[in-house]
């Protein structure tokens, strides 16, 4: 039998099953569209990567809301320049205009055509169907980035209805929920409070949409990304929303629109310290038993529960938590 983490087969290789090959992403996706804020976001990302020893959040450079009317081409060129200037190992994405916007093709050509190799993905807003995803994928292919993933922003009742088909597209890594556009799309049927930090967790139509998107993602091994909290100066509200998204609604990621939101999101999506300790002990014991069933704390564990505890350790790593020494070697080298 094997006892050391480095001597055993890697858990990511051994623990196959329904989630084998599922997408894993940083738990925070930080958006900025004004030049000064984009530059500060990239600098903060580099600083926190040094602090945590890993890139713990994505920076998405925004064209849809960031580009001034009539200045779309200049803004796209700036986004490409900033992506190219990011430090090695940085995770930088771009949100382009919707596929039916006149600037969409030019966005992709300017940003992906020039900086596609430095992007981790492209976010496409206002996706209504899998046909929009296919059109976006074709544009990325034409720009010379046939392997670049797509993230889709779901913002209407019809898009929610089609979320399972959209999530199943092979180029899609993640679905995000566009809360404010979703509420507005109901023509006043959902009150304005549905966009607030309380209403978005209590109004039945909003809550149902969030659950449908999360379920669609998990069905295809993709990452559901929770919507913004616009009350960005209310740290307690942000923490509560992030915690509920992670623990009650099945979300694995969340948007940030202000630097002060990043750390609370990391904390909310990180496993509790005791869960990390238990997961490390169970995975170490499982490896020592060559992944046969074991008894731990008076409970039976086998590969089904091993998979859960391994995913707990992966999430801890993605959120910059300190891992117990028994499992640290698993994160020092890629799976074999």
C-alpha atoms as a PDB file:
ATOM      1  CA  UNK A   1       0.000   0.000   0.000  1.00  0.00           C
ATOM      2  CA  UNK A   2       1.045   3.600  -0.477  1.00  0.00           C
ATOM      3  CA  UNK A   3       1.034   6.155   2.298  1.00  0.00           C
ATOM      4  CA  UNK A   4       2.607   9.355   0.957  1.00  0.00           C
ATOM      5  CA  UNK A   5       0.650  11.718  -1.243  1.00  0.00           C
ATOM      6  CA  UNK A   6       3.410  11.889  -3.817  1.00  0.00           C
ATOM      7  CA  UNK A   7       3.740   8.100  -4.030  1.00  0.00           C
ATOM      8  CA  UNK A   8       0.086   7.321  -4.674  1.00  0.00           C
ATOM      9  CA  UNK A   9      -1.814   7.745  -7.893  1.00  0.00           C
ATOM     10  CA  UNK A  10      -3.167  11.276  -8.063  1.00  0.00           C
ATOM     11  CA  UNK A  11      -6.755  11.618  -6.732  1.00  0.00           C
ATOM     12  CA  UNK A  12      -7.777  13.653  -9.782  1.00  0.00           C
ATOM     13  CA  UNK A  13      -6.847  10.632 -11.901  1.00  0.00           C
ATOM     14  CA  UNK A  14      -8.218   7.918  -9.622  1.00  0.00           C
ATOM     15  CA  UNK A  15     -11.544   9.379  -8.586  1.00  0.00           C
ATOM     16  CA  UNK A  16     -13.446   9.080 -11.821  1.00  0.00           C
ATOM     17  CA  UNK A  17     -17.203   9.342 -11.986  1.00  0.00           C
ATOM     18  CA  UNK A  18     -20.000  11.708 -12.865  1.00  0.00           C
ATOM     19  CA  UNK A  19     -17.819  14.781 -12.356  1.00  0.00           C
ATOM     20  CA  UNK A  20     -14.716  13.505 -14.147  1.00  0.00           C
ATOM     21  CA  UNK A  21     -13.525  16.232 -16.483  1.00  0.00           C
ATOM     22  CA  UNK A  22     -15.702  18.891 -14.838  1.00  0.00           C
ATOM     23  CA  UNK A  23     -14.496  22.458 -15.247  1.00  0.00           C
ATOM     24  CA  UNK A  24     -12.707  24.031 -12.263  1.00  0.00           C
ATOM     25  CA  UNK A  25     -12.319  27.815 -12.089  1.00  0.00           C
ATOM     26  CA  UNK A  26     -11.336  30.436  -9.498  1.00  0.00           C
ATOM     27  CA  UNK A  27     -14.327  31.232  -7.306  1.00  0.00           C
ATOM     28  CA  UNK A  28     -14.265  34.975  -7.998  1.00  0.00           C
ATOM     29  CA  UNK A  29     -14.643  36.730 -11.353  1.00  0.00           C
ATOM     30  CA  UNK A  30     -13.784  40.427 -10.994  1.00  0.00           C
ATOM     31  CA  UNK A  31     -15.144  42.872 -13.599  1.00  0.00           C
ATOM     32  CA  UNK A  32     -13.779  46.268 -14.548  1.00  0.00           C
ATOM     33  CA  UNK A  33     -14.161  48.381 -17.668  1.00  0.00           C
ATOM     34  CA  UNK A  34     -12.607  51.807 -16.987  1.00  0.00           C
ATOM     35  CA  UNK A  35      -8.920  51.986 -17.889  1.00  0.00           C
ATOM     36  CA  UNK A  36      -7.647  53.020 -14.452  1.00  0.00           C
ATOM     37  CA  UNK A  37      -9.710  50.322 -12.740  1.00  0.00           C
ATOM     38  CA  UNK A  38      -8.672  47.666 -15.235  1.00  0.00           C
ATOM     39  CA  UNK A  39      -5.018  48.430 -14.572  1.00  0.00           C
ATOM     40  CA  UNK A  40      -5.587  48.409 -10.799  1.00  0.00           C
ATOM     41  CA  UNK A  41      -7.462  45.105 -11.062  1.00  0.00           C
ATOM     42  CA  UNK A  42      -4.579  43.439 -12.863  1.00  0.00           C
ATOM     43  CA  UNK A  43      -2.109  44.823 -10.316  1.00  0.00           C
ATOM     44  CA  UNK A  44      -4.258  43.554  -7.444  1.00  0.00           C
ATOM     45  CA  UNK A  45      -4.533  40.149  -9.064  1.00  0.00           C
ATOM     46  CA  UNK A  46      -0.738  39.903  -9.263  1.00  0.00           C
ATOM     47  CA  UNK A  47      -0.355  41.033  -5.630  1.00  0.00           C
ATOM     48  CA  UNK A  48      -2.859  38.499  -4.334  1.00  0.00           C
ATOM     49  CA  UNK A  49      -1.341  35.706  -6.412  1.00  0.00           C
ATOM     50  CA  UNK A  50       1.928  36.383  -4.595  1.00  0.00           C
ATOM     51  CA  UNK A  51       0.106  36.432  -1.254  1.00  0.00           C
ATOM     52  CA  UNK A  52      -1.830  33.196  -1.761  1.00  0.00           C
ATOM     53  CA  UNK A  53       0.582  31.311  -3.987  1.00  0.00           C
ATOM     54  CA  UNK A  54      -2.062  30.895  -6.690  1.00  0.00           C
ATOM     55  CA  UNK A  55      -4.215  33.063  -8.945  1.00  0.00           C
ATOM     56  CA  UNK A  56      -7.334  33.209  -6.798  1.00  0.00           C
ATOM     57  CA  UNK A  57      -9.582  35.346  -9.011  1.00  0.00           C
ATOM     58  CA  UNK A  58     -10.097  36.111 -12.671  1.00  0.00           C
ATOM     59  CA  UNK A  59     -10.016  39.651 -14.039  1.00  0.00           C
ATOM     60  CA  UNK A  60     -12.547  40.226 -16.810  1.00  0.00           C
ATOM     61  CA  UNK A  61     -11.888  43.352 -18.857  1.00  0.00           C
ATOM     62  CA  UNK A  62     -15.248  44.694 -19.932  1.00  0.00           C
ATOM     63  CA  UNK A  63     -16.177  45.996 -23.354  1.00  0.00           C
ATOM     64  CA  UNK A  64     -19.955  45.781 -23.061  1.00  0.00           C
ATOM     65  CA  UNK A  65     -20.349  48.286 -20.230  1.00  0.00           C
ATOM     66  CA  UNK A  66     -16.824  49.707 -20.332  1.00  0.00           C
ATOM     67  CA  UNK A  67     -16.648  50.968 -23.914  1.00  0.00           C
ATOM     68  CA  UNK A  68     -18.017  54.485 -24.506  1.00  0.00           C
ATOM     69  CA  UNK A  69     -20.560  54.811 -27.307  1.00  0.00           C
ATOM     70  CA  UNK A  70     -18.637  55.371 -30.511  1.00  0.00           C
ATOM     71  CA  UNK A  71     -15.363  54.349 -28.886  1.00  0.00           C
ATOM     72  CA  UNK A  72     -15.794  50.586 -29.083  1.00  0.00           C
ATOM     73  CA  UNK A  73     -12.792  50.005 -31.346  1.00  0.00           C
ATOM     74  CA  UNK A  74     -10.438  52.043 -29.179  1.00  0.00           C
ATOM     75  CA  UNK A  75     -11.645  50.279 -26.043  1.00  0.00           C
ATOM     76  CA  UNK A  76     -11.179  46.831 -27.595  1.00  0.00           C
ATOM     77  CA  UNK A  77      -7.623  47.784 -28.540  1.00  0.00           C
ATOM     78  CA  UNK A  78      -6.989  48.857 -24.941  1.00  0.00           C
ATOM     79  CA  UNK A  79      -8.363  45.559 -23.612  1.00  0.00           C
ATOM     80  CA  UNK A  80      -6.020  43.631 -25.904  1.00  0.00           C
ATOM     81  CA  UNK A  81      -3.069  45.746 -24.781  1.00  0.00           C
ATOM     82  CA  UNK A  82      -3.868  45.179 -21.107  1.00  0.00           C
ATOM     83  CA  UNK A  83      -4.315  41.437 -21.574  1.00  0.00           C
ATOM     84  CA  UNK A  84      -0.912  41.239 -23.241  1.00  0.00           C
ATOM     85  CA  UNK A  85       0.650  43.217 -20.393  1.00  0.00           C
ATOM     86  CA  UNK A  86      -0.606  40.904 -17.639  1.00  0.00           C
ATOM     87  CA  UNK A  87       2.003  39.030 -15.610  1.00  0.00           C
ATOM     88  CA  UNK A  88       2.712  35.370 -16.471  1.00  0.00           C
ATOM     89  CA  UNK A  89       0.153  33.073 -14.910  1.00  0.00           C
ATOM     90  CA  UNK A  90      -2.522  35.758 -14.703  1.00  0.00           C
ATOM     91  CA  UNK A  91      -6.066  34.760 -15.596  1.00  0.00           C
ATOM     92  CA  UNK A  92      -7.441  37.550 -17.785  1.00  0.00           C
ATOM     93  CA  UNK A  93     -10.699  37.409 -19.709  1.00  0.00           C
ATOM     94  CA  UNK A  94     -12.659  39.818 -21.880  1.00  0.00           C
ATOM     95  CA  UNK A  95     -16.364  40.512 -22.019  1.00  0.00           C
ATOM     96  CA  UNK A  96     -17.237  41.445 -25.578  1.00  0.00           C
ATOM     97  CA  UNK A  97     -20.473  42.908 -26.897  1.00  0.00           C
ATOM     98  CA  UNK A  98     -23.454  40.569 -27.571  1.00  0.00           C
ATOM     99  CA  UNK A  99     -23.353  38.586 -30.800  1.00  0.00           C
ATOM    100  CA  UNK A 100     -26.068  40.776 -32.371  1.00  0.00           C
ATOM    101  CA  UNK A 101     -24.292  44.047 -31.525  1.00  0.00           C
ATOM    102  CA  UNK A 102     -22.523  45.853 -34.403  1.00  0.00           C
ATOM    103  CA  UNK A 103     -19.245  45.818 -32.442  1.00  0.00           C
ATOM    104  CA  UNK A 104     -19.191  42.094 -31.672  1.00  0.00           C
ATOM    105  CA  UNK A 105     -17.139  40.906 -34.638  1.00  0.00           C
ATOM    106  CA  UNK A 106     -14.707  43.807 -34.299  1.00  0.00           C
ATOM    107  CA  UNK A 107     -14.308  43.118 -30.550  1.00  0.00           C
ATOM    108  CA  UNK A 108     -13.363  39.514 -31.193  1.00  0.00           C
ATOM    109  CA  UNK A 109     -11.033  40.352 -34.055  1.00  0.00           C
ATOM    110  CA  UNK A 110      -9.232  43.062 -32.080  1.00  0.00           C
ATOM    111  CA  UNK A 111      -9.002  41.295 -28.712  1.00  0.00           C
ATOM    112  CA  UNK A 112      -8.876  37.595 -29.513  1.00  0.00           C
ATOM    113  CA  UNK A 113      -7.010  38.100 -32.761  1.00  0.00           C
ATOM    114  CA  UNK A 114      -4.236  39.951 -30.965  1.00  0.00           C
ATOM    115  CA  UNK A 115      -4.279  38.619 -27.392  1.00  0.00           C
ATOM    116  CA  UNK A 116      -6.155  35.329 -27.607  1.00  0.00           C
ATOM    117  CA  UNK A 117      -3.175  33.364 -26.309  1.00  0.00           C
ATOM    118  CA  UNK A 118      -3.210  35.397 -23.073  1.00  0.00           C
ATOM    119  CA  UNK A 119      -6.951  35.073 -22.397  1.00  0.00           C
ATOM    120  CA  UNK A 120      -8.448  32.401 -20.165  1.00  0.00           C
ATOM    121  CA  UNK A 121     -11.905  32.812 -21.731  1.00  0.00           C
ATOM    122  CA  UNK A 122     -14.283  35.214 -23.455  1.00  0.00           C
ATOM    123  CA  UNK A 123     -17.541  36.224 -21.796  1.00  0.00           C
ATOM    124  CA  UNK A 124     -20.489  36.676 -24.160  1.00  0.00           C
ATOM    125  CA  UNK A 125     -23.425  38.658 -22.717  1.00  0.00           C
ATOM    126  CA  UNK A 126     -27.130  38.331 -23.516  1.00  0.00           C
ATOM    127  CA  UNK A 127     -26.881  34.777 -24.813  1.00  0.00           C
ATOM    128  CA  UNK A 128     -30.374  33.653 -25.783  1.00  0.00           C
ATOM    129  CA  UNK A 129     -29.745  30.233 -27.288  1.00  0.00           C
ATOM    130  CA  UNK A 130     -27.115  27.686 -28.214  1.00  0.00           C
ATOM    131  CA  UNK A 131     -27.070  29.313 -31.663  1.00  0.00           C
ATOM    132  CA  UNK A 132     -25.584  32.450 -30.100  1.00  0.00           C
ATOM    133  CA  UNK A 133     -22.867  30.279 -28.543  1.00  0.00           C
ATOM    134  CA  UNK A 134     -22.154  28.660 -31.898  1.00  0.00           C
ATOM    135  CA  UNK A 135     -21.875  32.069 -33.549  1.00  0.00           C
ATOM    136  CA  UNK A 136     -19.464  33.247 -30.855  1.00  0.00           C
ATOM    137  CA  UNK A 137     -17.400  30.069 -31.195  1.00  0.00           C
ATOM    138  CA  UNK A 138     -17.154  30.603 -34.940  1.00  0.00           C
ATOM    139  CA  UNK A 139     -15.907  34.142 -34.378  1.00  0.00           C
ATOM    140  CA  UNK A 140     -13.224  32.910 -31.969  1.00  0.00           C
ATOM    141  CA  UNK A 141     -12.194  30.260 -34.469  1.00  0.00           C
ATOM    142  CA  UNK A 142     -11.918  32.865 -37.215  1.00  0.00           C
ATOM    143  CA  UNK A 143      -9.746  34.991 -34.910  1.00  0.00           C
ATOM    144  CA  UNK A 144      -7.314  32.108 -34.506  1.00  0.00           C
ATOM    145  CA  UNK A 145      -8.406  30.812 -31.092  1.00  0.00           C
ATOM    146  CA  UNK A 146     -10.227  27.515 -31.707  1.00  0.00           C
ATOM    147  CA  UNK A 147      -9.574  26.250 -28.167  1.00  0.00           C
ATOM    148  CA  UNK A 148     -10.469  29.419 -26.240  1.00  0.00           C
ATOM    149  CA  UNK A 149     -13.416  28.728 -23.878  1.00  0.00           C
ATOM    150  CA  UNK A 150     -16.610  30.740 -23.768  1.00  0.00           C
ATOM    151  CA  UNK A 151     -18.608  31.905 -20.765  1.00  0.00           C
ATOM    152  CA  UNK A 152     -22.241  32.841 -21.318  1.00  0.00           C
ATOM    153  CA  UNK A 153     -24.305  35.440 -19.492  1.00  0.00           C
ATOM    154  CA  UNK A 154     -27.947  34.348 -19.055  1.00  0.00           C
ATOM    155  CA  UNK A 155     -30.168  37.419 -18.778  1.00  0.00           C
ATOM    156  CA  UNK A 156     -33.725  36.621 -19.912  1.00  0.00           C
ATOM    157  CA  UNK A 157     -36.527  34.152 -19.120  1.00  0.00           C
ATOM    158  CA  UNK A 158     -36.048  32.432 -22.484  1.00  0.00           C
ATOM    159  CA  UNK A 159     -32.312  32.082 -21.919  1.00  0.00           C
ATOM    160  CA  UNK A 160     -33.015  30.479 -18.536  1.00  0.00           C
ATOM    161  CA  UNK A 161     -35.437  28.097 -20.285  1.00  0.00           C
ATOM    162  CA  UNK A 162     -32.620  27.092 -22.668  1.00  0.00           C
ATOM    163  CA  UNK A 163     -29.870  27.000 -20.054  1.00  0.00           C
ATOM    164  CA  UNK A 164     -29.372  23.226 -20.219  1.00  0.00           C
ATOM    165  CA  UNK A 165     -28.715  23.352 -23.961  1.00  0.00           C
ATOM    166  CA  UNK A 166     -26.398  26.340 -23.605  1.00  0.00           C
ATOM    167  CA  UNK A 167     -24.406  24.742 -20.783  1.00  0.00           C
ATOM    168  CA  UNK A 168     -24.017  21.527 -22.781  1.00  0.00           C
ATOM    169  CA  UNK A 169     -22.162  23.245 -25.636  1.00  0.00           C
ATOM    170  CA  UNK A 170     -18.551  21.969 -25.578  1.00  0.00           C
ATOM    171  CA  UNK A 171     -17.003  25.466 -25.769  1.00  0.00           C
ATOM    172  CA  UNK A 172     -18.950  26.731 -22.749  1.00  0.00           C
ATOM    173  CA  UNK A 173     -17.145  26.589 -19.389  1.00  0.00           C
ATOM    174  CA  UNK A 174     -19.538  28.589 -17.240  1.00  0.00           C
ATOM    175  CA  UNK A 175     -22.938  30.255 -17.120  1.00  0.00           C
ATOM    176  CA  UNK A 176     -23.452  33.523 -15.242  1.00  0.00           C
ATOM    177  CA  UNK A 177     -26.771  34.994 -14.165  1.00  0.00           C
ATOM    178  CA  UNK A 178     -27.530  38.555 -15.255  1.00  0.00           C
ATOM    179  CA  UNK A 179     -29.818  39.607 -12.425  1.00  0.00           C
ATOM    180  CA  UNK A 180     -30.763  43.155 -13.382  1.00  0.00           C
ATOM    181  CA  UNK A 181     -31.512  42.407 -17.035  1.00  0.00           C
ATOM    182  CA  UNK A 182     -33.471  39.326 -15.976  1.00  0.00           C
ATOM    183  CA  UNK A 183     -35.677  41.385 -13.665  1.00  0.00           C
ATOM    184  CA  UNK A 184     -36.130  44.105 -16.284  1.00  0.00           C
ATOM    185  CA  UNK A 185     -37.115  41.499 -18.887  1.00  0.00           C
ATOM    186  CA  UNK A 186     -40.282  40.785 -16.910  1.00  0.00           C
ATOM    187  CA  UNK A 187     -41.817  44.167 -17.716  1.00  0.00           C
ATOM    188  CA  UNK A 188     -42.517  45.127 -14.130  1.00  0.00           C
ATOM    189  CA  UNK A 189     -43.840  41.710 -13.045  1.00  0.00           C
ATOM    190  CA  UNK A 190     -40.897  41.422 -10.663  1.00  0.00           C
ATOM    191  CA  UNK A 191     -40.589  44.464  -8.361  1.00  0.00           C
ATOM    192  CA  UNK A 192     -37.392  46.489  -8.162  1.00  0.00           C
ATOM    193  CA  UNK A 193     -36.613  44.800  -4.852  1.00  0.00           C
ATOM    194  CA  UNK A 194     -35.873  41.653  -6.834  1.00  0.00           C
ATOM    195  CA  UNK A 195     -32.590  43.260  -7.847  1.00  0.00           C
ATOM    196  CA  UNK A 196     -31.555  43.907  -4.249  1.00  0.00           C
ATOM    197  CA  UNK A 197     -29.521  41.683  -2.004  1.00  0.00           C
ATOM    198  CA  UNK A 198     -32.618  40.488  -0.129  1.00  0.00           C
ATOM    199  CA  UNK A 199     -35.106  40.234  -2.976  1.00  0.00           C
ATOM    200  CA  UNK A 200     -32.827  38.239  -5.252  1.00  0.00           C
ATOM    201  CA  UNK A 201     -32.874  35.408  -2.700  1.00  0.00           C
ATOM    202  CA  UNK A 202     -36.584  35.573  -1.919  1.00  0.00           C
ATOM    203  CA  UNK A 203     -38.529  36.351  -5.092  1.00  0.00           C
ATOM    204  CA  UNK A 204     -39.694  32.995  -6.516  1.00  0.00           C
ATOM    205  CA  UNK A 205     -38.979  33.778 -10.175  1.00  0.00           C
ATOM    206  CA  UNK A 206     -35.474  35.056  -9.461  1.00  0.00           C
ATOM    207  CA  UNK A 207     -34.686  32.168  -7.140  1.00  0.00           C
ATOM    208  CA  UNK A 208     -36.008  29.660  -9.657  1.00  0.00           C
ATOM    209  CA  UNK A 209     -33.814  31.138 -12.401  1.00  0.00           C
ATOM    210  CA  UNK A 210     -30.737  30.884 -10.203  1.00  0.00           C
ATOM    211  CA  UNK A 211     -31.471  27.253  -9.396  1.00  0.00           C
ATOM    212  CA  UNK A 212     -32.155  26.371 -13.042  1.00  0.00           C
ATOM    213  CA  UNK A 213     -28.821  27.867 -14.107  1.00  0.00           C
ATOM    214  CA  UNK A 214     -26.939  26.065 -11.353  1.00  0.00           C
ATOM    215  CA  UNK A 215     -28.625  22.774 -12.209  1.00  0.00           C
ATOM    216  CA  UNK A 216     -27.902  23.205 -15.934  1.00  0.00           C
ATOM    217  CA  UNK A 217     -24.224  23.764 -15.227  1.00  0.00           C
ATOM    218  CA  UNK A 218     -23.842  20.812 -12.895  1.00  0.00           C
ATOM    219  CA  UNK A 219     -25.604  18.548 -15.392  1.00  0.00           C
ATOM    220  CA  UNK A 220     -22.809  19.232 -17.908  1.00  0.00           C
ATOM    221  CA  UNK A 221     -19.870  19.589 -15.533  1.00  0.00           C
ATOM    222  CA  UNK A 222     -19.738  23.358 -15.983  1.00  0.00           C
ATOM    223  CA  UNK A 223     -19.387  26.180 -13.432  1.00  0.00           C
ATOM    224  CA  UNK A 224     -22.407  28.249 -12.326  1.00  0.00           C
ATOM    225  CA  UNK A 225     -21.366  31.827 -11.558  1.00  0.00           C
ATOM    226  CA  UNK A 226     -23.539  33.921  -9.256  1.00  0.00           C
ATOM    227  CA  UNK A 227     -24.634  37.451 -10.075  1.00  0.00           C
ATOM    228  CA  UNK A 228     -23.397  40.719  -8.644  1.00  0.00           C
ATOM    229  CA  UNK A 229     -24.340  42.334  -5.364  1.00  0.00           C
ATOM    230  CA  UNK A 230     -24.842  45.971  -6.314  1.00  0.00           C
ATOM    231  CA  UNK A 231     -24.703  47.141  -2.690  1.00  0.00           C
ATOM    232  CA  UNK A 232     -20.936  46.965  -2.985  1.00  0.00           C
ATOM    233  CA  UNK A 233     -20.274  49.097   0.107  1.00  0.00           C
ATOM    234  CA  UNK A 234     -22.288  46.732   2.322  1.00  0.00           C
ATOM    235  CA  UNK A 235     -19.707  44.091   3.259  1.00  0.00           C
ATOM    236  CA  UNK A 236     -22.111  42.136   5.434  1.00  0.00           C
ATOM    237  CA  UNK A 237     -24.707  41.920   2.664  1.00  0.00           C
ATOM    238  CA  UNK A 238     -22.036  40.722   0.247  1.00  0.00           C
ATOM    239  CA  UNK A 239     -20.832  38.022   2.642  1.00  0.00           C
ATOM    240  CA  UNK A 240     -24.371  36.823   3.256  1.00  0.00           C
ATOM    241  CA  UNK A 241     -25.168  36.691  -0.455  1.00  0.00           C
ATOM    242  CA  UNK A 242     -21.963  34.864  -1.320  1.00  0.00           C
ATOM    243  CA  UNK A 243     -22.470  32.363   1.493  1.00  0.00           C
ATOM    244  CA  UNK A 244     -26.037  31.617   0.418  1.00  0.00           C
ATOM    245  CA  UNK A 245     -25.016  31.280  -3.215  1.00  0.00           C
ATOM    246  CA  UNK A 246     -22.287  28.797  -2.303  1.00  0.00           C
ATOM    247  CA  UNK A 247     -24.042  26.757   0.378  1.00  0.00           C
ATOM    248  CA  UNK A 248     -27.711  26.859  -0.622  1.00  0.00           C
ATOM    249  CA  UNK A 249     -27.894  27.362  -4.396  1.00  0.00           C
ATOM    250  CA  UNK A 250     -24.975  25.270  -5.658  1.00  0.00           C
ATOM    251  CA  UNK A 251     -22.903  28.105  -7.129  1.00  0.00           C
ATOM    252  CA  UNK A 252     -19.155  27.619  -7.504  1.00  0.00           C
ATOM    253  CA  UNK A 253     -18.183  31.149  -8.481  1.00  0.00           C
ATOM    254  CA  UNK A 254     -19.379  34.747  -8.109  1.00  0.00           C
ATOM    255  CA  UNK A 255     -18.945  38.116  -9.766  1.00  0.00           C
ATOM    256  CA  UNK A 256     -17.153  40.998  -8.088  1.00  0.00           C
ATOM    257  CA  UNK A 257     -17.640  44.596  -9.256  1.00  0.00           C
ATOM    258  CA  UNK A 258     -15.490  46.289  -6.603  1.00  0.00           C
ATOM    259  CA  UNK A 259     -12.086  45.273  -5.198  1.00  0.00           C
ATOM    260  CA  UNK A 260     -13.551  45.213  -1.673  1.00  0.00           C
ATOM    261  CA  UNK A 261     -15.807  42.328  -2.732  1.00  0.00           C
ATOM    262  CA  UNK A 262     -13.012  39.938  -3.721  1.00  0.00           C
ATOM    263  CA  UNK A 263     -11.823  38.748  -0.309  1.00  0.00           C
ATOM    264  CA  UNK A 264     -15.333  38.236   1.131  1.00  0.00           C
ATOM    265  CA  UNK A 265     -16.190  36.112  -1.913  1.00  0.00           C
ATOM    266  CA  UNK A 266     -13.036  34.035  -1.452  1.00  0.00           C
ATOM    267  CA  UNK A 267     -13.890  33.538   2.213  1.00  0.00           C
ATOM    268  CA  UNK A 268     -17.521  32.612   1.539  1.00  0.00           C
ATOM    269  CA  UNK A 269     -16.662  30.055  -1.140  1.00  0.00           C
ATOM    270  CA  UNK A 270     -13.766  28.512   0.809  1.00  0.00           C
ATOM    271  CA  UNK A 271     -14.479  25.338   2.789  1.00  0.00           C
ATOM    272  CA  UNK A 272     -14.442  25.794   6.594  1.00  0.00           C
ATOM    273  CA  UNK A 273     -11.085  24.894   8.215  1.00  0.00           C
ATOM    274  CA  UNK A 274     -12.488  21.778   9.897  1.00  0.00           C
ATOM    275  CA  UNK A 275     -13.827  20.514   6.561  1.00  0.00           C
ATOM    276  CA  UNK A 276     -10.370  20.966   5.044  1.00  0.00           C
ATOM    277  CA  UNK A 277      -8.753  19.034   7.908  1.00  0.00           C
ATOM    278  CA  UNK A 278     -11.268  16.197   7.647  1.00  0.00           C
ATOM    279  CA  UNK A 279     -10.940  16.043   3.863  1.00  0.00           C
ATOM    280  CA  UNK A 280      -7.157  15.835   4.073  1.00  0.00           C
ATOM    281  CA  UNK A 281      -7.296  13.006   6.609  1.00  0.00           C
ATOM    282  CA  UNK A 282      -9.816  11.039   4.572  1.00  0.00           C
ATOM    283  CA  UNK A 283      -7.912  11.458   1.299  1.00  0.00           C
ATOM    284  CA  UNK A 284      -4.614  10.506   2.965  1.00  0.00           C
ATOM    285  CA  UNK A 285      -6.213   7.428   4.515  1.00  0.00           C
ATOM    286  CA  UNK A 286      -7.858   6.494   1.220  1.00  0.00           C
ATOM    287  CA  UNK A 287      -4.557   6.778  -0.642  1.00  0.00           C
ATOM    288  CA  UNK A 288      -2.941   4.606   2.025  1.00  0.00           C
ATOM    289  CA  UNK A 289      -5.610   1.979   1.369  1.00  0.00           C
ATOM    290  CA  UNK A 290      -5.113   2.199  -2.407  1.00  0.00           C
ATOM    291  CA  UNK A 291      -8.567   3.825  -2.610  1.00  0.00           C
ATOM    292  CA  UNK A 292     -10.401   0.831  -1.138  1.00  0.00           C
ATOM    293  CA  UNK A 293     -13.209   1.567   1.366  1.00  0.00           C
ATOM    294  CA  UNK A 294     -12.140   2.774   4.811  1.00  0.00           C
ATOM    295  CA  UNK A 295     -13.689   3.592   8.162  1.00  0.00           C
ATOM    296  CA  UNK A 296     -13.174   7.156   9.386  1.00  0.00           C
ATOM    297  CA  UNK A 297     -14.811   8.555  12.489  1.00  0.00           C
ATOM    298  CA  UNK A 298     -17.130   5.578  12.645  1.00  0.00           C
ATOM    299  CA  UNK A 299     -18.391   6.097   9.092  1.00  0.00           C
ATOM    300  CA  UNK A 300     -17.775   4.102   5.918  1.00  0.00           C
ATOM    301  CA  UNK A 301     -16.105   5.970   3.059  1.00  0.00           C
ATOM    302  CA  UNK A 302     -15.495   4.819  -0.487  1.00  0.00           C
ATOM    303  CA  UNK A 303     -14.801   6.413  -3.866  1.00  0.00           C
ATOM    304  CA  UNK A 304     -18.089   8.299  -3.899  1.00  0.00           C
ATOM    305  CA  UNK A 305     -17.238  10.184  -0.709  1.00  0.00           C
ATOM    306  CA  UNK A 306     -13.530  10.368  -1.631  1.00  0.00           C
ATOM    307  CA  UNK A 307     -14.557  12.340  -4.708  1.00  0.00           C
ATOM    308  CA  UNK A 308     -16.445  14.812  -2.535  1.00  0.00           C
ATOM    309  CA  UNK A 309     -13.540  15.304  -0.141  1.00  0.00           C
ATOM    310  CA  UNK A 310     -11.050  15.665  -2.972  1.00  0.00           C
ATOM    311  CA  UNK A 311     -13.239  18.390  -4.465  1.00  0.00           C
ATOM    312  CA  UNK A 312     -13.250  20.074  -1.042  1.00  0.00           C
ATOM    313  CA  UNK A 313      -9.450  20.179  -1.136  1.00  0.00           C
ATOM    314  CA  UNK A 314      -9.464  21.506  -4.700  1.00  0.00           C
ATOM    315  CA  UNK A 315     -11.823  24.311  -3.679  1.00  0.00           C
ATOM    316  CA  UNK A 316      -9.625  25.100  -0.692  1.00  0.00           C
ATOM    317  CA  UNK A 317      -6.629  25.369  -3.010  1.00  0.00           C
ATOM    318  CA  UNK A 318      -8.502  27.634  -5.442  1.00  0.00           C
ATOM    319  CA  UNK A 319      -9.427  29.966  -2.594  1.00  0.00           C
ATOM    320  CA  UNK A 320      -5.876  30.241  -1.280  1.00  0.00           C
ATOM    321  CA  UNK A 321      -6.364  28.216   1.897  1.00  0.00           C
ATOM    322  CA  UNK A 322      -3.381  26.587   3.608  1.00  0.00           C
ATOM    323  CA  UNK A 323      -3.615  22.843   3.043  1.00  0.00           C
ATOM    324  CA  UNK A 324      -2.448  20.208   5.532  1.00  0.00           C
ATOM    325  CA  UNK A 325       1.011  18.851   4.751  1.00  0.00           C
ATOM    326  CA  UNK A 326      -0.344  15.372   4.023  1.00  0.00           C
ATOM    327  CA  UNK A 327      -2.009  16.550   0.797  1.00  0.00           C
ATOM    328  CA  UNK A 328       0.199  19.461  -0.260  1.00  0.00           C
ATOM    329  CA  UNK A 329       2.237  17.295  -2.702  1.00  0.00           C
ATOM    330  CA  UNK A 330      -0.900  16.687  -4.746  1.00  0.00           C
ATOM    331  CA  UNK A 331      -0.978  20.399  -5.585  1.00  0.00           C
ATOM    332  CA  UNK A 332       2.713  20.767  -6.300  1.00  0.00           C
ATOM    333  CA  UNK A 333       2.592  18.940  -9.632  1.00  0.00           C
ATOM    334  CA  UNK A 334      -0.019  18.159 -12.293  1.00  0.00           C
ATOM    335  CA  UNK A 335      -1.934  14.849 -12.080  1.00  0.00           C
ATOM    336  CA  UNK A 336      -0.267  11.831 -13.650  1.00  0.00           C
END
